[in-house]
């Protein structure tokens, strides 16, 4: 598909698939990158709908590093477990050392 024919959700998924292993980004960073800075919530909706689409939704957190989407993953702590398996430290649903593992698509893509 040509980029102009992709839905907003598909554009979100394209960006999310670029997040490097062991890194995280925010809903707002993806929205801003896509030219829709006020659409962070829509990015969240896209992540919630991303199951079975080969999208690393666990790498998308809120701007403070909170695992706000964790209740959309199967299991009690699956989002945290996936992040920790990539070396990301999480304490009380909060990413530790957020600045050092934060990935900004506008500076990378």
Protein backbone atom coordinates (compact mmCIF):
# COMPACT_ATOMS: atom_id res chain seq x y z
CA UNK A 1 0.00 0.00 0.00
CA UNK A 2 1.08 3.53 -0.68
CA UNK A 3 1.57 5.64 2.47
CA UNK A 4 -1.26 8.00 1.49
CA UNK A 5 -3.72 5.09 1.36
CA UNK A 6 -2.82 3.69 4.77
CA UNK A 7 -5.16 4.22 7.70
CA UNK A 8 -3.92 6.14 10.72
CA UNK A 9 -3.67 2.86 12.65
CA UNK A 10 -1.54 1.30 9.88
CA UNK A 11 0.77 4.32 9.94
CA UNK A 12 1.09 3.94 13.72
CA UNK A 13 1.95 0.26 13.26
CA UNK A 14 4.64 1.11 10.70
CA UNK A 15 6.32 3.46 13.18
CA UNK A 16 5.93 1.07 16.12
CA UNK A 17 7.61 -1.72 14.14
CA UNK A 18 10.71 0.50 13.92
CA UNK A 19 11.18 0.82 17.69
CA UNK A 20 14.46 -0.92 18.44
CA UNK A 21 14.69 -3.90 20.77
CA UNK A 22 15.25 -2.68 24.32
CA UNK A 23 13.92 0.82 23.60
CA UNK A 24 10.56 2.48 24.25
CA UNK A 25 8.69 5.46 22.86
CA UNK A 26 5.53 7.30 23.79
CA UNK A 27 2.09 7.55 22.25
CA UNK A 28 2.65 11.28 21.84
CA UNK A 29 5.99 10.85 20.06
CA UNK A 30 4.37 8.60 17.47
CA UNK A 31 1.45 11.00 17.05
CA UNK A 32 3.79 13.96 16.62
CA UNK A 33 5.91 12.07 14.11
CA UNK A 34 2.78 11.32 12.08
CA UNK A 35 1.84 15.02 12.05
CA UNK A 36 -1.04 14.56 14.47
CA UNK A 37 0.45 15.87 17.71
CA UNK A 38 -2.89 15.95 19.53
CA UNK A 39 -3.68 12.33 18.67
CA UNK A 40 -1.73 10.46 21.35
CA UNK A 41 -4.97 8.85 22.51
CA UNK A 42 -5.62 7.57 18.98
CA UNK A 43 -2.15 6.02 18.98
CA UNK A 44 -3.17 4.29 22.20
CA UNK A 45 -6.31 2.98 20.52
CA UNK A 46 -4.15 1.68 17.68
CA UNK A 47 -1.87 -0.11 20.13
CA UNK A 48 -4.91 -1.66 21.83
CA UNK A 49 -6.06 -2.98 18.45
CA UNK A 50 -2.63 -4.21 17.36
CA UNK A 51 -2.86 -7.79 18.63
CA UNK A 52 -1.97 -10.37 15.96
CA UNK A 53 -0.45 -7.66 13.74
CA UNK A 54 3.24 -8.22 14.58
CA UNK A 55 3.48 -4.86 16.37
CA UNK A 56 5.70 -4.47 19.46
CA UNK A 57 2.99 -2.56 21.35
CA UNK A 58 4.76 -3.30 24.64
CA UNK A 59 7.42 -0.75 23.62
CA UNK A 60 4.91 2.13 23.60
CA UNK A 61 4.31 3.81 26.97
CA UNK A 62 3.01 7.15 28.16
CA UNK A 63 5.25 10.22 28.22
CA UNK A 64 6.25 9.57 31.83
CA UNK A 65 7.22 5.97 31.11
CA UNK A 66 4.16 4.41 32.71
CA UNK A 67 2.82 1.11 31.37
CA UNK A 68 -0.63 2.59 30.82
CA UNK A 69 -1.56 0.00 28.18
CA UNK A 70 -0.68 -3.03 30.28
CA UNK A 71 -4.30 -4.07 30.85
CA UNK A 72 -4.64 -4.71 27.10
CA UNK A 73 -2.08 -7.53 27.24
CA UNK A 74 -2.96 -11.10 28.11
CA UNK A 75 -1.82 -12.04 31.58
CA UNK A 76 -1.26 -9.89 34.60
CA UNK A 77 2.23 -8.58 33.81
CA UNK A 78 2.86 -9.54 30.18
CA UNK A 79 3.76 -6.02 29.04
CA UNK A 80 6.29 -5.70 31.86
CA UNK A 81 7.65 -9.21 31.22
CA UNK A 82 8.16 -8.46 27.52
CA UNK A 83 10.01 -5.25 28.33
CA UNK A 84 12.13 -6.91 31.01
CA UNK A 85 13.03 -9.71 28.57
CA UNK A 86 14.57 -6.93 26.43
CA UNK A 87 16.56 -5.57 29.36
CA UNK A 88 14.19 -2.71 30.24
CA UNK A 89 13.91 -2.17 33.99
CA UNK A 90 10.35 -1.64 35.25
CA UNK A 91 9.42 -0.82 38.86
CA UNK A 92 5.80 -0.25 39.92
CA UNK A 93 4.65 -0.06 36.28
CA UNK A 94 7.23 2.67 35.59
CA UNK A 95 10.13 2.46 33.13
CA UNK A 96 13.41 3.18 34.91
CA UNK A 97 16.11 5.21 33.14
CA UNK A 98 13.54 6.37 30.57
CA UNK A 99 15.83 8.99 29.06
CA UNK A 100 18.54 6.44 28.27
CA UNK A 101 16.22 3.99 26.49
CA UNK A 102 13.77 6.46 24.92
CA UNK A 103 13.46 6.27 21.15
CA UNK A 104 12.13 9.34 19.31
CA UNK A 105 10.89 8.48 15.81
CA UNK A 106 11.27 12.09 14.64
CA UNK A 107 15.00 11.86 15.29
CA UNK A 108 15.44 8.33 13.97
CA UNK A 109 13.21 7.84 10.93
